[in-house]
C-alpha cells in the first residue's frame, strides 16, 4: 500500500499535483492520501479523478481567482469560505469523503484541546474548509464545543497520521525549504524575527516527516527558508506562480522515480 502525504503551503500546494501526475503516469498507484491545510484541496481533487484540464480551467481563470477572496463580515475571519466550497462543488463529482475513489484522511487543528483532529467522513467541502481555516483569514469551525482551524498550525506534515492509519509505505511531499543560510548573515530585522518565530514549528515538522516517512520529496529544496519563501503561500492570485510550483513537483518526482520504485518494492 502506498500512502501519499500532501502537506500545507497555500499556493505552493500545486506542487502536489505535479508529483501525483508523475506517479500516475509511471504506474505508481496511490492507495490512500493524508493531507492538511491547502494540500487538502489538492488531495480531494486527485482522489476524485478530476482532470488536469478542469483544474487548470478553474485555477488559471483570473475572474474565478478574484471571486475566491470574498470579504467576510463575520468575526475572526477576513474572508468567506463560500467561494472555496463552490470550487469544490463544481469540480468534485461526489459529495462525501467516504465516497471518493481513493480514500482521503484530512487533518485539522483542534485549538481548544491542542491536538490533531482527524476527518475521514462527511461533506468534502466542509472538511476541506475546516482543515484550511487559517487563523485571521478564515473563521474557526465549531465542532462539538471545540474550535477547529487550519491543520498546518499543529501538524503541517502529518506523516505520523499516515503511518498510524496504514501499514503501507509513506511518501511525504514536503514543502519545506532549507533552513540554514550559506550566504552569510541574515539580510534584515524582519528576517531574523520571522525565522525566530517559526524555528520551533519548522523543526517539528521536519522531525515528523523524517521519523514517519519512507520517502520524502523536497520540490522546494533550492529555495532558502525566508520571508519571501513564506509569501508563496498567498500566490493563488498568480497564475505564473501556480504553474511554476506544478512544474517543480513534476521535476522532483521525475528525478526520484528510481528511488521511489526501489523503496516500494
Protein backbone atom coordinates (compact mmCIF):
# COMPACT_ATOMS: atom_id res chain seq x y z
CA UNK A 1 0.00 0.00 0.00
CA UNK A 2 1.23 3.49 -0.90
CA UNK A 3 0.16 6.41 1.28
CA UNK A 4 0.80 9.90 -0.08
CA UNK A 5 1.10 12.81 2.36
CA UNK A 6 0.20 16.20 0.90
CA UNK A 7 1.33 18.98 3.20
CA UNK A 8 0.17 22.57 3.63
CA UNK A 9 1.61 25.60 1.90
CA UNK A 10 -1.06 27.74 0.28
CA UNK A 11 -0.49 28.19 -3.45
CA UNK A 12 2.66 26.08 -3.14
CA UNK A 13 0.32 23.09 -2.84
CA UNK A 14 0.26 22.95 -6.65
CA UNK A 15 3.50 21.03 -6.16
CA UNK A 16 1.34 18.08 -5.05
CA UNK A 17 -0.49 17.96 -8.37
CA UNK A 18 2.79 17.78 -10.24
CA UNK A 19 4.09 14.94 -8.08
CA UNK A 20 0.85 12.98 -8.25
CA UNK A 21 0.59 13.23 -12.03
CA UNK A 22 4.13 11.90 -12.49
CA UNK A 23 3.39 8.95 -10.17
CA UNK A 24 0.20 8.28 -12.08
CA UNK A 25 1.92 8.46 -15.48
CA UNK A 26 4.53 5.96 -14.33
CA UNK A 27 2.12 3.37 -12.99
CA UNK A 28 2.71 4.04 -9.28
CA UNK A 29 -0.68 3.62 -7.64
CA UNK A 30 -1.59 5.72 -4.62
CA UNK A 31 -3.88 3.81 -2.25
CA UNK A 32 -4.53 6.48 0.39
CA UNK A 33 -3.92 10.22 0.78
CA UNK A 34 -3.37 12.02 4.08
CA UNK A 35 -3.43 15.79 3.87
CA UNK A 36 -3.80 19.06 5.69
CA UNK A 37 -4.31 22.76 5.01
CA UNK A 38 -4.24 23.74 1.31
CA UNK A 39 -2.95 20.29 0.45
CA UNK A 40 -6.43 19.01 1.34
CA UNK A 41 -7.94 20.68 -1.70
CA UNK A 42 -5.39 19.03 -3.98
CA UNK A 43 -5.96 15.71 -2.20
CA UNK A 44 -9.69 15.58 -2.87
CA UNK A 45 -9.22 16.74 -6.47
CA UNK A 46 -6.82 13.94 -7.37
CA UNK A 47 -8.70 11.38 -5.25
CA UNK A 48 -11.87 12.20 -7.18
CA UNK A 49 -10.07 11.83 -10.50
CA UNK A 50 -10.62 15.45 -11.58
CA UNK A 51 -8.74 16.04 -14.82
CA UNK A 52 -5.80 18.41 -15.05
CA UNK A 53 -7.70 20.32 -17.73
CA UNK A 54 -10.60 21.06 -15.37
CA UNK A 55 -8.27 22.07 -12.55
CA UNK A 56 -6.39 24.49 -14.80
CA UNK A 57 -9.64 25.94 -16.12
CA UNK A 58 -10.74 26.70 -12.57
CA UNK A 59 -7.50 27.96 -11.07
CA UNK A 60 -6.00 29.74 -14.06
CA UNK A 61 -9.09 31.85 -14.75
CA UNK A 62 -8.50 35.39 -13.44
CA UNK A 63 -12.22 36.01 -12.98
CA UNK A 64 -12.63 32.91 -10.85
CA UNK A 65 -9.47 33.55 -8.84
CA UNK A 66 -10.70 37.02 -7.93
CA UNK A 67 -14.01 35.54 -6.75
CA UNK A 68 -12.22 33.38 -4.16
CA UNK A 69 -11.39 36.36 -1.97
CA UNK A 70 -14.90 37.31 -0.91
CA UNK A 71 -14.69 39.54 2.20
CA UNK A 72 -16.47 38.26 5.28
CA UNK A 73 -18.34 40.42 7.77
CA UNK A 74 -18.14 37.72 10.42
CA UNK A 75 -15.90 37.98 13.44
CA UNK A 76 -12.49 36.23 13.40
CA UNK A 77 -12.17 35.96 9.62
CA UNK A 78 -11.41 38.38 6.79
CA UNK A 79 -12.65 36.08 4.02
CA UNK A 80 -15.65 33.84 3.44
CA UNK A 81 -15.28 30.09 2.83
CA UNK A 82 -18.23 30.14 0.41
CA UNK A 83 -16.08 30.57 -2.75
CA UNK A 84 -13.90 27.58 -1.81
CA UNK A 85 -16.99 25.44 -1.24
CA UNK A 86 -18.28 26.43 -4.68
CA UNK A 87 -14.97 25.45 -6.29
CA UNK A 88 -15.17 22.01 -4.68
CA UNK A 89 -18.82 21.55 -5.64
CA UNK A 90 -18.01 22.46 -9.26
CA UNK A 91 -15.03 20.14 -9.60
CA UNK A 92 -15.62 17.14 -7.34
CA UNK A 93 -18.33 14.76 -8.60
CA UNK A 94 -19.08 13.19 -5.20
CA UNK A 95 -20.29 14.92 -2.05
CA UNK A 96 -18.78 12.90 0.78
CA UNK A 97 -15.23 11.93 1.72
CA UNK A 98 -16.10 8.28 2.16
CA UNK A 99 -17.31 8.11 -1.46
CA UNK A 100 -14.01 9.19 -3.04
CA UNK A 101 -12.37 6.51 -5.24
CA UNK A 102 -9.09 6.97 -3.33
CA UNK A 103 -9.54 7.15 0.48
CA UNK A 104 -8.59 10.53 1.94
CA UNK A 105 -7.84 11.44 5.55
CA UNK A 106 -7.77 15.15 6.36
CA UNK A 107 -6.13 16.71 9.40
CA UNK A 108 -7.35 19.89 11.13
CA UNK A 109 -6.06 21.55 14.32
CA UNK A 110 -8.21 21.49 17.46
CA UNK A 111 -7.11 24.68 19.24
CA UNK A 112 -9.44 24.04 22.17
CA UNK A 113 -7.69 20.80 23.13
CA UNK A 114 -4.43 21.47 21.25
CA UNK A 115 -4.45 18.26 19.26
CA UNK A 116 -4.93 16.95 15.74
CA UNK A 117 -8.49 16.46 14.54
CA UNK A 118 -8.83 13.62 12.04
CA UNK A 119 -11.54 13.79 9.37
CA UNK A 120 -12.43 10.69 7.34
CA UNK A 121 -16.16 11.16 6.80
CA UNK A 122 -18.61 13.91 5.97
CA UNK A 123 -19.14 16.50 3.26
CA UNK A 124 -15.98 17.12 1.28
CA UNK A 125 -16.48 20.88 1.02
CA UNK A 126 -16.96 21.23 4.79
CA UNK A 127 -13.96 19.02 5.57
CA UNK A 128 -11.59 20.90 3.25
CA UNK A 129 -12.75 24.26 4.58
CA UNK A 130 -12.20 23.10 8.16
CA UNK A 131 -8.64 21.96 7.59
CA UNK A 132 -7.90 25.15 5.60
CA UNK A 133 -9.33 27.67 8.08
CA UNK A 134 -6.14 29.68 8.57
CA UNK A 135 -6.35 32.00 11.61
CA UNK A 136 -7.50 35.57 10.90
CA UNK A 137 -8.08 34.79 7.22
CA UNK A 138 -10.99 32.45 7.92
CA UNK A 139 -13.32 31.94 10.85
CA UNK A 140 -12.63 28.86 13.05
CA UNK A 141 -15.07 25.98 12.67
CA UNK A 142 -17.09 24.88 15.70
CA UNK A 143 -17.26 21.14 16.32
CA UNK A 144 -18.91 19.68 19.43
CA UNK A 145 -17.93 22.69 21.50
CA UNK A 146 -14.34 22.83 20.20
CA UNK A 147 -12.75 25.21 17.69
CA UNK A 148 -11.03 23.76 14.63
CA UNK A 149 -8.60 25.64 12.39
CA UNK A 150 -6.05 25.02 9.64
CA UNK A 151 -4.38 21.64 10.20
CA UNK A 152 -0.99 23.04 9.30
CA UNK A 153 -0.88 25.07 12.50
CA UNK A 154 -0.25 21.99 14.67
CA UNK A 155 0.81 19.40 12.10
CA UNK A 156 1.77 20.68 8.67
CA UNK A 157 3.41 17.41 7.56
CA UNK A 158 1.15 14.67 9.01
CA UNK A 159 3.35 11.70 8.14
CA UNK A 160 2.71 10.39 11.66
CA UNK A 161 -1.01 10.20 10.96
CA UNK A 162 -0.33 8.38 7.70
CA UNK A 163 1.89 5.82 9.43
CA UNK A 164 -0.55 5.20 12.27
CA UNK A 165 -3.57 4.76 10.00
CA UNK A 166 -1.89 2.50 7.47
CA UNK A 167 0.72 -0.23 7.23
CA UNK A 168 2.00 0.84 3.83
CA UNK A 169 4.87 2.93 2.55
CA UNK A 170 4.56 6.64 3.27
CA UNK A 171 5.63 9.17 0.63
CA UNK A 172 5.66 12.70 2.02
CA UNK A 173 5.70 15.70 -0.30
CA UNK A 174 7.39 18.29 1.88
CA UNK A 175 7.02 21.98 1.10
CA UNK A 176 9.87 22.79 3.45
CA UNK A 177 12.83 24.82 2.22
CA UNK A 178 16.41 24.55 3.57
CA UNK A 179 16.59 26.42 6.87
CA UNK A 180 20.32 27.09 7.01
CA UNK A 181 21.63 30.10 5.11
CA UNK A 182 25.00 29.67 3.46
CA UNK A 183 25.16 33.19 2.08
CA UNK A 184 26.22 34.66 5.40
CA UNK A 185 24.33 36.98 7.74
CA UNK A 186 20.59 37.42 7.65
CA UNK A 187 19.52 40.32 5.43
CA UNK A 188 17.29 42.34 7.76
CA UNK A 189 15.49 42.53 11.09
CA UNK A 190 12.22 41.15 9.75
CA UNK A 191 14.08 38.07 8.51
CA UNK A 192 15.54 37.49 11.98
CA UNK A 193 12.13 37.87 13.64
CA UNK A 194 10.45 35.58 11.10
CA UNK A 195 13.00 32.80 11.42
CA UNK A 196 12.98 33.07 15.22
CA UNK A 197 9.19 32.78 15.44
CA UNK A 198 8.94 29.81 13.10
CA UNK A 199 12.08 27.92 14.10
CA UNK A 200 10.37 25.50 16.50
CA UNK A 201 7.43 24.70 14.21
CA UNK A 202 9.81 24.18 11.30
CA UNK A 203 12.00 21.77 13.26
CA UNK A 204 8.90 19.96 14.50
CA UNK A 205 7.53 19.38 11.02
CA UNK A 206 10.90 18.14 9.78
CA UNK A 207 11.20 15.72 12.70
CA UNK A 208 7.72 14.39 11.99
CA UNK A 209 8.41 13.84 8.31
CA UNK A 210 11.85 12.29 8.90
CA UNK A 211 10.61 9.84 11.54
CA UNK A 212 7.47 8.56 9.85
CA UNK A 213 8.13 8.78 6.10
CA UNK A 214 9.67 6.08 3.93
CA UNK A 215 10.39 8.64 1.22
CA UNK A 216 10.41 12.45 1.42
CA UNK A 217 10.27 14.57 -1.71
CA UNK A 218 11.56 18.15 -1.48
CA UNK A 219 10.33 20.09 -4.55
CA UNK A 220 11.39 23.40 -2.95
CA UNK A 221 14.87 22.29 -1.91
CA UNK A 222 16.53 25.00 -4.00
CA UNK A 223 14.71 27.81 -2.17
CA UNK A 224 16.01 29.14 1.15
CA UNK A 225 13.61 29.28 4.09
CA UNK A 226 12.93 33.00 4.38
CA UNK A 227 10.14 35.57 4.48
CA UNK A 228 9.92 35.71 0.68
CA UNK A 229 9.51 31.92 0.55
CA UNK A 230 6.66 32.09 3.06
CA UNK A 231 4.91 34.71 0.91
CA UNK A 232 4.46 31.96 -1.69
CA UNK A 233 1.59 30.70 0.44
CA UNK A 234 -0.55 33.59 -0.79
CA UNK A 235 0.20 33.31 -4.53
CA UNK A 236 -3.21 31.96 -5.53
CA UNK A 237 -3.66 35.23 -7.40
CA UNK A 238 -0.58 34.47 -9.52
CA UNK A 239 -1.13 32.11 -12.46
CA UNK A 240 2.59 32.02 -13.30
CA UNK A 241 3.48 31.03 -9.73
CA UNK A 242 0.97 28.17 -9.68
CA UNK A 243 2.39 26.83 -12.96
CA UNK A 244 5.90 27.10 -11.52
CA UNK A 245 5.01 25.09 -8.42
CA UNK A 246 3.29 22.43 -10.54
CA UNK A 247 6.43 22.01 -12.64
CA UNK A 248 8.64 21.86 -9.54
CA UNK A 249 6.50 18.96 -8.31
CA UNK A 250 6.84 17.13 -11.62
CA UNK A 251 10.59 17.69 -11.66
CA UNK A 252 11.14 16.39 -8.13
CA UNK A 253 9.02 13.27 -8.70
CA UNK A 254 10.67 12.53 -12.06
CA UNK A 255 14.17 12.84 -10.61
CA UNK A 256 13.33 10.43 -7.78
CA UNK A 257 11.37 7.77 -9.67
CA UNK A 258 14.11 5.14 -9.35
CA UNK A 259 14.38 5.71 -5.59
CA UNK A 260 10.59 5.58 -5.20
CA UNK A 261 10.33 2.30 -7.12
CA UNK A 262 13.16 0.79 -5.08
CA UNK A 263 11.56 1.68 -1.73
CA UNK A 264 8.13 0.46 -2.83
CA UNK A 265 9.37 -3.00 -3.88
